Structure formats: C-alpha cells, structure tokens
C-alpha atoms as a PDB file:
ATOM      1  CA  MET A   1      41.260  10.407 205.854  1.00  0.00           C
ATOM      2  CA  ARG A   2      39.060   7.547 207.075  1.00  0.00           C
ATOM      3  CA  ALA A   3      40.110   4.986 209.679  1.00  0.00           C
ATOM      4  CA  ILE A   4      41.474   1.727 208.251  1.00  0.00           C
ATOM      5  CA  GLU A   5      39.269  -1.187 209.313  1.00  0.00           C
ATOM      6  CA  SER A   6      40.147  -4.124 207.024  1.00  0.00           C
ATOM      7  CA  PRO A   7      42.697  -5.120 204.339  1.00  0.00           C
ATOM      8  CA  ASP A   8      40.356  -3.772 201.647  1.00  0.00           C
ATOM      9  CA  ASP A   9      40.156  -0.470 203.491  1.00  0.00           C
ATOM     10  CA  GLU A  10      43.960  -0.374 203.666  1.00  0.00           C
ATOM     11  CA  VAL A  11      44.174  -0.450 199.869  1.00  0.00           C
ATOM     12  CA  LEU A  12      41.498   2.219 199.653  1.00  0.00           C
ATOM     13  CA  GLY A  13      43.381   4.287 202.250  1.00  0.00           C
ATOM     14  CA  ASP A  14      46.545   4.073 200.107  1.00  0.00           C
ATOM     15  CA  TYR A  15      44.511   5.300 197.148  1.00  0.00           C
ATOM     16  CA  TYR A  16      43.218   8.266 199.167  1.00  0.00           C
ATOM     17  CA  ASP A  17      46.806   9.118 200.183  1.00  0.00           C
ATOM     18  CA  PHE A  18      47.938   8.949 196.552  1.00  0.00           C
ATOM     19  CA  ALA A  19      44.997  11.049 195.364  1.00  0.00           C
ATOM     20  CA  GLU A  20      45.693  13.734 197.954  1.00  0.00           C
ATOM     21  CA  SER A  21      49.418  13.826 197.095  1.00  0.00           C
ATOM     22  CA  GLU A  22      48.647  14.175 193.368  1.00  0.00           C
ATOM     23  CA  GLY A  23      46.032  16.879 193.898  1.00  0.00           C
ATOM     24  CA  VAL A  24      43.085  14.727 192.803  1.00  0.00           C
ATOM     25  CA  PRO A  25      39.910  15.774 194.648  1.00  0.00           C
ATOM     26  CA  THR A  26      38.976  12.920 196.989  1.00  0.00           C
ATOM     27  CA  GLY A  27      35.299  13.760 196.434  1.00  0.00           C
ATOM     28  CA  ALA A  28      35.730  12.055 193.065  1.00  0.00           C
ATOM     29  CA  ILE A  29      36.392   8.733 194.856  1.00  0.00           C
ATOM     30  CA  CYS A  30      33.359   6.710 195.984  1.00  0.00           C
ATOM     31  CA  SER A  31      33.449   6.064 199.726  1.00  0.00           C
ATOM     32  CA  GLU A  32      31.305   2.929 199.228  1.00  0.00           C
ATOM     33  CA  CYS A  33      33.358   1.002 196.644  1.00  0.00           C
ATOM     34  CA  GLY A  34      36.519   3.066 195.968  1.00  0.00           C
ATOM     35  CA  ASN A  35      35.807   3.632 192.265  1.00  0.00           C
ATOM     36  CA  GLY A  36      35.646   6.998 190.548  1.00  0.00           C
ATOM     37  CA  ARG A  37      32.511   9.116 190.729  1.00  0.00           C
ATOM     38  CA  GLU A  38      31.030  11.599 188.296  1.00  0.00           C
ATOM     39  CA  TRP A  39      29.585  15.006 189.205  1.00  0.00           C
ATOM     40  CA  ILE A  40      26.006  15.416 187.968  1.00  0.00           C
ATOM     41  CA  ASP A  41      24.681  18.990 187.837  1.00  0.00           C
ATOM     42  CA  CYS A  42      21.288  19.659 189.379  1.00  0.00           C
ATOM     43  CA  TRP A  43      18.543  19.804 186.756  1.00  0.00           C
ATOM     44  CA  MET A  44      16.760  22.665 188.503  1.00  0.00           C
ATOM     45  CA  CYS A  45      19.576  25.191 188.998  1.00  0.00           C
ATOM     46  CA  GLY A  46      21.986  23.942 186.323  1.00  0.00           C
ATOM     47  CA  GLY A  47      24.786  23.441 188.863  1.00  0.00           C
ATOM     48  CA  ALA A  48      24.720  26.952 190.319  1.00  0.00           C
ATOM     49  CA  GLY A  49      23.168  25.940 193.645  1.00  0.00           C
ATOM     50  CA  TYR A  50      20.756  28.861 193.599  1.00  0.00           C
ATOM     51  CA  ILE A  51      17.702  30.108 191.724  1.00  0.00           C
ATOM     52  CA  GLU A  52      17.265  33.670 190.453  1.00  0.00           C
ATOM     53  CA  SER A  53      14.179  34.585 192.481  1.00  0.00           C
ATOM     54  CA  TYR A  54      13.526  37.776 190.531  1.00  0.00           C
ATOM     55  CA  GLU A  55      13.036  35.803 187.306  1.00  0.00           C
ATOM     56  CA  ASP A  56      10.443  33.581 188.977  1.00  0.00           C
ATOM     57  CA  ASP A  57       8.421  36.358 190.609  1.00  0.00           C
ATOM     58  CA  PRO A  58       9.462  39.975 189.881  1.00  0.00           C
ATOM     59  CA  MET A  59       6.636  41.327 192.038  1.00  0.00           C
ATOM     60  CA  TRP A  60       8.193  40.043 195.295  1.00  0.00           C
ATOM     61  CA  TYR A  61      11.963  39.944 194.621  1.00  0.00           C
ATOM     62  CA  ARG A  62      14.608  42.511 193.657  1.00  0.00           C
ATOM     63  CA  PRO A  63      16.851  42.014 190.603  1.00  0.00           C
ATOM     64  CA  GLY A  64      19.781  39.778 191.504  1.00  0.00           C
ATOM     65  CA  GLN A  65      18.067  38.292 194.564  1.00  0.00           C
ATOM     66  CA  THR A  66      18.596  34.544 194.822  1.00  0.00           C
ATOM     67  CA  ASP A  67      17.396  31.599 196.917  1.00  0.00           C
ATOM     68  CA  ASP A  68      19.087  28.243 197.504  1.00  0.00           C
ATOM     69  CA  CYS A  69      17.914  25.588 195.090  1.00  0.00           C
ATOM     70  CA  GLU A  70      15.218  23.437 196.694  1.00  0.00           C
ATOM     71  CA  VAL A  71      16.211  20.318 194.745  1.00  0.00           C
ATOM     72  CA  CYS A  72      19.943  20.126 195.599  1.00  0.00           C
ATOM     73  CA  ASP A  73      19.832  22.282 198.782  1.00  0.00           C
ATOM     74  CA  GLY A  74      22.405  24.683 197.351  1.00  0.00           C
ATOM     75  CA  ALA A  75      25.021  22.022 196.535  1.00  0.00           C
ATOM     76  CA  GLY A  76      24.661  22.429 192.770  1.00  0.00           C
ATOM     77  CA  GLY A  77      24.443  18.687 192.103  1.00  0.00           C
ATOM     78  CA  TRP A  78      25.513  15.252 193.268  1.00  0.00           C
ATOM     79  CA  TYR A  79      28.351  12.760 192.927  1.00  0.00           C
ATOM     80  CA  TYR A  80      27.197   9.566 191.193  1.00  0.00           C
ATOM     81  CA  CYS A  81      29.088   6.255 191.235  1.00  0.00           C
ATOM     82  CA  HIS A  82      28.436   4.143 188.135  1.00  0.00           C
ATOM     83  CA  SER A  83      29.707   0.995 189.881  1.00  0.00           C
ATOM     84  CA  CYS A  84      27.610   0.830 193.045  1.00  0.00           C
ATOM     85  CA  LYS A  85      24.994   3.462 192.033  1.00  0.00           C
ATOM     86  CA  ALA A  86      25.616   5.554 195.177  1.00  0.00           C
ATOM     87  CA  VAL A  87      24.458   9.188 194.997  1.00  0.00           C
ATOM     88  CA  THR A  88      25.950  11.695 197.459  1.00  0.00           C
ATOM     89  CA  PRO A  89      26.088  15.504 197.642  1.00  0.00           C
END
C-alpha cells in the first residue's frame, strides 16, 4: 500500500484497500491515474516470458532449453493504461 499524500491519493488508497479485500489484483490498477489497466502479452514470447532456444538454434541448445525473452525481460508482457497511456511491467 502506498503512502497517502493528498486528498486524491486518499481516494485512491481506499480503492486499493477495497481491491485487496475483494481479491482484485492491484497490478490491474494504474499507479499514475487510478484507472484500470490491461495486460498486453509480449509479441516476441507470446506471454510466456521465455524463448525456446532449441527451436532457434538446435546446433547449440538442447531440447527444452530456454532463455529469458529479450523484449520483455522475462515478464511476459506489460500493463497498459488506456487513460494515461502508462506502460509498466
């Protein structure tokens, strides 16, 4: 839970408390504007967070060997806020 700094932050803090009590993931709430965010899967790994290295180069990798995705750094994607356009992992 973030520190409350202004009246607007107090309302946002109440929303975080409600979301946590209802089991809503707080990652779905934009920390910039307080609106909902959408998860966007990484285009490179398809949301897995890793790349099958063997498929890329079977001469140097064993079957099943993986590497973290270089585009999303293993996160699998990003949260995107349609209101303020913020993008965060």
